[in-house]
Amino acid sequence: MSGPIQTILRRVRRGSRDVIENAVSQLFDAAVQPHGVADSGEYRIDELARLAGTTTRNIRVYRDRGLLHPPLRVGRIALFNDTHLTRLRLITSLLDRGYNIAHVKEMLSAWEQGKDLGDLLGLESAIAGSWATEKPQRMALSAARRLIDDPAGFDRLVSLDIIRLDDGEQATIMRPTLVDAFIEIRQYGVALDKLIDLHEQVAPLLDQISAILVQAGVEEVVDKINPGAAMPGDVEVAQLITTLVRFRTQAVTAVGATLASSIEAQVESVVTQMLGDLIEKQAAAGE
């Protein structure tokens, strides 16, 4: 990764870490207030569902599972307040990140008991879930060498930290999806050296794209949560955190779609050129 890109990423992390951690902490604080705290809004269940972007059925499930505090009862009418709305937005945000209902309940309960956010989720997880789509795979060093089946290529992958050598006779495949792709493409006769060369050419370009996207996502929040100024309202904070939570998925989808479209166009262009050249050669041979 180039120096300027590293500088950008460090600045993004350093400039946003405390601000966003504080925002997430305050959001959790607002979401776990005990019932009875004065709130400005009162909502029936259908209105609460509309404001939170969910369904009345989901709200009832969350209530039954203990994720939402009981509503205020006025006769036969159940009234919810802004604490319910904030908590409901947070629940939806966590579920969107892949946590299940049991995990969400555990996190909210832990926060109510005073546990630290960093201990509970980890800062990166609290901000935007797990950004790493791959889980490293640990195996015996001998098995890793057999998997790659190319001593020189194996050493190059180690130097790129795609494979990490652990103490003793163990190795960790840090990028298993990438390694699997290399192995599959090699079946078509492409040398591992060439695949690693391509990776080294493409990786810095992807780092630049990632830096631009991450910075854009962080700026969206930092611009609205000004350090030193009063925090926005609970609902707005919930919306900002949800923006960050969903940013990763949408960014990956957008980049993936753009890359797929670009590759498709390039393949079509190359194939057309190859066929055109072949037709010209055949025509010239027949003259």
Protein backbone atom coordinates (compact mmCIF):
# COMPACT_ATOMS: atom_id res chain seq x y z
CA MET A 1 0.00 0.00 0.00
CA SER A 2 1.45 3.38 -0.96
CA GLY A 3 2.50 6.00 1.59
CA PRO A 4 -0.24 8.55 0.77
CA ILE A 5 -2.95 5.90 1.05
CA GLN A 6 -1.61 4.75 4.41
CA THR A 7 -1.60 8.36 5.58
CA ILE A 8 -5.22 8.81 4.51
CA LEU A 9 -6.34 5.66 6.30
CA ARG A 10 -4.47 6.59 9.48
CA ARG A 11 -6.01 10.06 9.42
CA VAL A 12 -9.49 8.62 8.89
CA ARG A 13 -9.08 6.19 11.77
CA ARG A 14 -7.49 8.75 14.10
CA GLY A 15 -9.92 11.54 13.29
CA SER A 16 -13.06 9.46 13.58
CA ARG A 17 -12.35 6.86 16.28
CA ASP A 18 -13.16 8.92 19.40
CA VAL A 19 -16.04 10.77 17.78
CA ILE A 20 -17.79 7.66 16.50
CA GLU A 21 -17.12 5.65 19.64
CA ASN A 22 -18.74 8.45 21.65
CA ALA A 23 -21.71 8.53 19.26
CA VAL A 24 -22.20 4.77 19.48
CA SER A 25 -21.91 4.88 23.26
CA GLN A 26 -24.52 7.60 23.53
CA LEU A 27 -26.79 5.68 21.18
CA PHE A 28 -26.53 2.61 23.41
CA ASP A 29 -27.17 4.78 26.45
CA ALA A 30 -30.32 6.19 24.88
CA ALA A 31 -31.49 2.76 23.78
CA VAL A 32 -31.30 1.14 27.22
CA GLN A 33 -33.02 3.83 29.28
CA PRO A 34 -35.47 2.26 31.72
CA HIS A 35 -39.11 2.73 30.90
CA GLY A 36 -40.59 5.81 32.50
CA VAL A 37 -37.97 8.37 31.43
CA ALA A 38 -39.71 11.39 29.97
CA ASP A 39 -39.81 11.34 26.19
CA SER A 40 -41.18 13.80 23.67
CA GLY A 41 -43.03 11.36 21.43
CA GLU A 42 -45.82 8.87 21.94
CA TYR A 43 -46.52 6.37 19.19
CA ARG A 44 -48.92 3.55 18.57
CA ILE A 45 -47.32 0.36 17.31
CA ASP A 46 -48.09 0.97 13.62
CA GLU A 47 -46.60 4.47 13.76
CA LEU A 48 -43.54 3.20 15.63
CA ALA A 49 -43.02 0.54 12.95
CA ARG A 50 -43.25 3.16 10.19
CA LEU A 51 -40.77 5.51 11.86
CA ALA A 52 -38.30 2.70 12.55
CA GLY A 53 -38.61 1.16 9.09
CA THR A 54 -39.79 -2.21 10.36
CA THR A 55 -43.06 -4.09 10.84
CA THR A 56 -45.51 -4.39 13.72
CA ARG A 57 -44.90 -8.13 13.66
CA ASN A 58 -41.18 -7.58 14.24
CA ILE A 59 -41.91 -5.20 17.10
CA ARG A 60 -44.09 -7.82 18.79
CA VAL A 61 -41.34 -10.42 18.35
CA TYR A 62 -38.77 -8.07 19.91
CA ARG A 63 -41.13 -7.40 22.81
CA ASP A 64 -41.77 -11.10 23.35
CA ARG A 65 -38.02 -11.81 23.28
CA GLY A 66 -37.28 -9.07 25.81
CA LEU A 67 -35.45 -6.69 23.48
CA LEU A 68 -37.96 -3.86 23.89
CA HIS A 69 -39.26 -2.47 27.18
CA PRO A 70 -43.04 -2.82 27.68
CA PRO A 71 -45.07 0.09 26.30
CA LEU A 72 -47.16 2.42 28.40
CA ARG A 73 -50.74 1.16 28.62
CA VAL A 74 -53.57 3.67 28.38
CA GLY A 75 -56.67 1.57 28.59
CA ARG A 76 -56.34 -0.93 25.76
CA ILE A 77 -53.92 1.27 23.83
CA ALA A 78 -50.17 0.56 23.92
CA LEU A 79 -48.09 3.74 23.59
CA PHE A 80 -44.39 3.70 22.74
CA ASN A 81 -41.96 6.60 23.16
CA ASP A 82 -38.69 7.93 21.74
CA THR A 83 -36.66 5.51 23.86
CA HIS A 84 -38.48 2.63 22.19
CA LEU A 85 -37.84 4.22 18.78
CA THR A 86 -34.12 4.68 19.42
CA ARG A 87 -33.78 1.16 20.81
CA LEU A 88 -35.76 -0.25 17.87
CA ARG A 89 -33.48 1.52 15.37
CA LEU A 90 -30.45 0.09 17.14
CA ILE A 91 -31.93 -3.42 17.15
CA THR A 92 -32.61 -3.17 13.41
CA SER A 93 -29.09 -1.87 12.83
CA LEU A 94 -27.50 -4.77 14.71
CA LEU A 95 -29.69 -7.34 12.97
CA ASP A 96 -28.75 -5.85 9.59
CA ARG A 97 -25.10 -6.43 10.51
CA GLY A 98 -25.75 -10.15 10.88
CA TYR A 99 -26.24 -10.51 14.62
CA ASN A 100 -29.14 -12.70 15.67
CA ILE A 101 -31.81 -11.74 18.19
CA ALA A 102 -30.06 -13.60 21.03
CA HIS A 103 -26.82 -11.71 20.39
CA VAL A 104 -28.62 -8.36 20.25
CA LYS A 105 -30.37 -9.06 23.55
CA GLU A 106 -27.05 -10.06 25.10
CA MET A 107 -25.36 -6.85 23.89
CA LEU A 108 -28.13 -4.59 25.14
CA SER A 109 -28.23 -6.39 28.49
CA ALA A 110 -24.46 -6.14 28.83
CA TRP A 111 -24.60 -2.41 28.13
CA GLU A 112 -27.34 -1.98 30.74
CA GLN A 113 -25.02 -3.69 33.22
CA GLY A 114 -22.30 -1.11 32.52
CA LYS A 115 -19.93 -3.08 30.33
CA ASP A 116 -17.59 -1.10 28.10
CA LEU A 117 -18.45 -0.78 24.43
CA GLY A 118 -14.96 -1.79 23.35
CA ASP A 119 -15.16 -4.95 25.44
CA LEU A 120 -18.67 -5.65 24.24
CA LEU A 121 -18.27 -5.33 20.49
CA GLY A 122 -14.83 -4.01 19.68
CA LEU A 123 -14.71 -0.51 18.20
CA GLU A 124 -14.69 -1.60 14.58
CA SER A 125 -17.60 -3.97 15.15
CA ALA A 126 -19.51 -1.27 16.98
CA ILE A 127 -19.05 1.14 14.09
CA ALA A 128 -19.80 -1.04 11.13
CA GLY A 129 -19.81 -4.70 11.93
CA SER A 130 -17.06 -6.94 10.68
CA TRP A 131 -15.51 -5.39 7.60
CA ALA A 132 -13.46 -8.48 6.92
CA THR A 133 -15.45 -10.92 4.82
CA GLU A 134 -12.84 -13.65 5.19
CA LYS A 135 -11.93 -15.64 8.25
CA PRO A 136 -8.27 -16.75 8.32
CA GLN A 137 -7.76 -20.50 8.17
CA ARG A 138 -5.10 -22.10 10.37
CA MET A 139 -3.53 -25.37 9.35
CA ALA A 140 -0.34 -27.36 9.55
CA LEU A 141 2.53 -25.80 7.63
CA SER A 142 2.94 -28.98 5.61
CA ALA A 143 -0.74 -28.88 4.62
CA ALA A 144 -0.43 -25.24 3.54
CA ARG A 145 2.58 -26.07 1.36
CA ARG A 146 0.70 -28.97 -0.24
CA LEU A 147 -2.27 -26.67 -0.86
CA ILE A 148 -0.14 -24.14 -2.76
CA ASP A 149 2.03 -26.84 -4.37
CA ASP A 150 4.61 -24.30 -5.51
CA PRO A 151 7.56 -23.56 -3.16
CA ALA A 152 8.51 -20.25 -4.79
CA GLY A 153 4.89 -19.17 -5.01
CA PHE A 154 4.37 -20.12 -1.37
CA ASP A 155 7.27 -17.89 -0.34
CA ARG A 156 5.83 -14.99 -2.34
CA LEU A 157 2.44 -15.41 -0.67
CA VAL A 158 4.17 -15.35 2.72
CA SER A 159 6.02 -12.15 1.79
CA LEU A 160 2.68 -10.55 0.84
CA ASP A 161 1.12 -11.66 4.17
CA ILE A 162 -1.49 -13.68 2.29
CA ILE A 163 -0.08 -16.62 4.20
CA ARG A 164 1.34 -16.09 7.67
CA LEU A 165 3.80 -18.50 9.30
CA ASP A 166 3.04 -19.12 12.96
CA ASP A 167 5.29 -20.48 15.65
CA GLY A 168 6.26 -24.10 15.16
CA GLU A 169 4.79 -26.01 12.24
CA GLN A 170 1.62 -23.98 11.73
CA ALA A 171 0.51 -21.55 9.01
CA THR A 172 -2.50 -19.27 8.67
CA ILE A 173 -4.11 -18.54 5.32
CA MET A 174 -5.05 -14.88 5.81
CA ARG A 175 -6.91 -14.58 2.50
CA PRO A 176 -8.50 -18.01 1.93
CA THR A 177 -10.92 -16.77 -0.76
CA LEU A 178 -8.05 -15.29 -2.74
CA VAL A 179 -5.97 -18.47 -2.35
CA ASP A 180 -8.96 -20.59 -3.45
CA ALA A 181 -9.33 -18.41 -6.54
CA PHE A 182 -5.62 -18.83 -7.35
CA ILE A 183 -5.91 -22.61 -7.02
CA GLU A 184 -8.98 -22.78 -9.25
CA ILE A 185 -7.54 -20.56 -11.97
CA ARG A 186 -4.32 -22.60 -11.98
CA GLN A 187 -6.39 -25.55 -13.17
CA TYR A 188 -6.74 -23.72 -16.48
CA GLY A 189 -2.98 -23.62 -16.90
CA VAL A 190 -2.27 -20.15 -15.55
CA ALA A 191 0.97 -20.06 -13.58
CA LEU A 192 0.80 -19.05 -9.91
CA ASP A 193 3.57 -16.52 -10.48
CA LYS A 194 1.40 -14.72 -13.02
CA LEU A 195 -1.59 -14.71 -10.69
CA ILE A 196 0.49 -13.23 -7.88
CA ASP A 197 1.86 -10.61 -10.30
CA LEU A 198 -1.72 -9.64 -11.18
CA HIS A 199 -2.63 -9.43 -7.51
CA GLU A 200 0.30 -7.11 -6.84
CA GLN A 201 -0.80 -4.85 -9.69
CA VAL A 202 -4.46 -4.75 -8.68
CA ALA A 203 -4.17 -4.54 -4.88
CA PRO A 204 -2.87 -0.92 -4.71
CA LEU A 205 -5.69 0.22 -7.00
CA LEU A 206 -8.25 -1.47 -4.75
CA ASP A 207 -6.61 0.13 -1.70
CA GLN A 208 -7.11 3.54 -3.30
CA ILE A 209 -10.78 2.78 -3.98
CA SER A 210 -11.24 1.54 -0.41
CA ALA A 211 -9.59 4.66 1.03
CA ILE A 212 -11.90 6.91 -0.98
CA LEU A 213 -15.02 4.98 0.06
CA VAL A 214 -14.08 4.73 3.74
CA GLN A 215 -13.19 8.41 3.93
CA ALA A 216 -16.51 9.32 2.31
CA GLY A 217 -18.43 7.20 4.81
CA VAL A 218 -16.59 8.63 7.81
CA GLU A 219 -16.96 12.21 6.57
CA GLU A 220 -20.71 11.67 6.31
CA VAL A 221 -20.79 11.05 10.06
CA VAL A 222 -18.02 13.39 11.21
CA ASP A 223 -19.60 16.31 9.34
CA LYS A 224 -22.78 15.80 11.36
CA ILE A 225 -21.25 14.87 14.71
CA ASN A 226 -18.96 17.81 15.42
CA PRO A 227 -16.40 17.12 18.19
CA GLY A 228 -16.94 19.55 21.05
CA ALA A 229 -20.46 20.44 20.00
CA ALA A 230 -23.66 19.10 21.50
CA MET A 231 -24.56 15.62 20.34
CA PRO A 232 -27.46 15.33 17.91
CA GLY A 233 -30.70 13.78 19.10
CA ASP A 234 -30.94 10.05 19.69
CA VAL A 235 -32.91 9.40 16.53
CA GLU A 236 -30.42 11.30 14.37
CA VAL A 237 -27.49 9.47 15.96
CA ALA A 238 -29.23 6.17 15.27
CA GLN A 239 -29.65 7.19 11.64
CA LEU A 240 -25.97 8.14 11.36
CA ILE A 241 -24.80 4.85 12.84
CA THR A 242 -27.18 2.96 10.57
CA THR A 243 -25.67 4.86 7.64
CA LEU A 244 -22.22 3.58 8.58
CA VAL A 245 -23.51 0.09 9.22
CA ARG A 246 -25.12 -0.16 5.80
CA PHE A 247 -22.39 1.79 4.01
CA ARG A 248 -20.09 -1.21 3.83
CA THR A 249 -22.65 -3.49 2.18
CA GLN A 250 -23.77 -0.89 -0.34
CA ALA A 251 -20.20 0.16 -1.15
CA VAL A 252 -19.13 -3.42 -1.80
CA THR A 253 -22.24 -4.03 -3.92
CA ALA A 254 -21.67 -0.86 -5.97
CA VAL A 255 -17.97 -1.54 -6.54
CA GLY A 256 -18.65 -5.19 -7.36
CA ALA A 257 -21.32 -4.28 -9.89
CA THR A 258 -19.10 -1.64 -11.50
CA LEU A 259 -16.13 -4.02 -11.67
CA ALA A 260 -18.27 -6.82 -13.14
CA SER A 261 -19.66 -4.47 -15.78
CA SER A 262 -16.18 -3.20 -16.65
CA ILE A 263 -14.74 -6.72 -16.92
CA GLU A 264 -17.68 -7.81 -19.08
CA ALA A 265 -17.12 -4.88 -21.45
CA GLN A 266 -13.37 -5.60 -21.61
CA VAL A 267 -13.96 -9.31 -22.31
CA GLU A 268 -16.45 -8.48 -25.05
CA SER A 269 -14.00 -6.04 -26.59
CA VAL A 270 -11.10 -8.50 -26.49
CA VAL A 271 -13.19 -11.38 -27.89
CA THR A 272 -14.50 -9.17 -30.69
CA GLN A 273 -10.98 -8.11 -31.57
CA MET A 274 -9.72 -11.71 -31.52
CA LEU A 275 -12.55 -12.92 -33.76
CA GLY A 276 -12.04 -9.98 -36.10
CA ASP A 277 -8.33 -10.76 -36.43
CA LEU A 278 -9.12 -14.45 -37.05
CA ILE A 279 -11.64 -13.62 -39.79
CA GLU A 280 -9.15 -11.27 -41.46
CA LYS A 281 -6.44 -13.97 -41.42
CA GLN A 282 -8.80 -16.56 -42.87
CA ALA A 283 -9.90 -14.14 -45.57
CA ALA A 284 -6.29 -13.32 -46.42
CA ALA A 285 -5.39 -17.03 -46.59
CA GLY A 286 -8.25 -17.69 -49.02
CA GLU A 287 -7.20 -15.01 -51.48
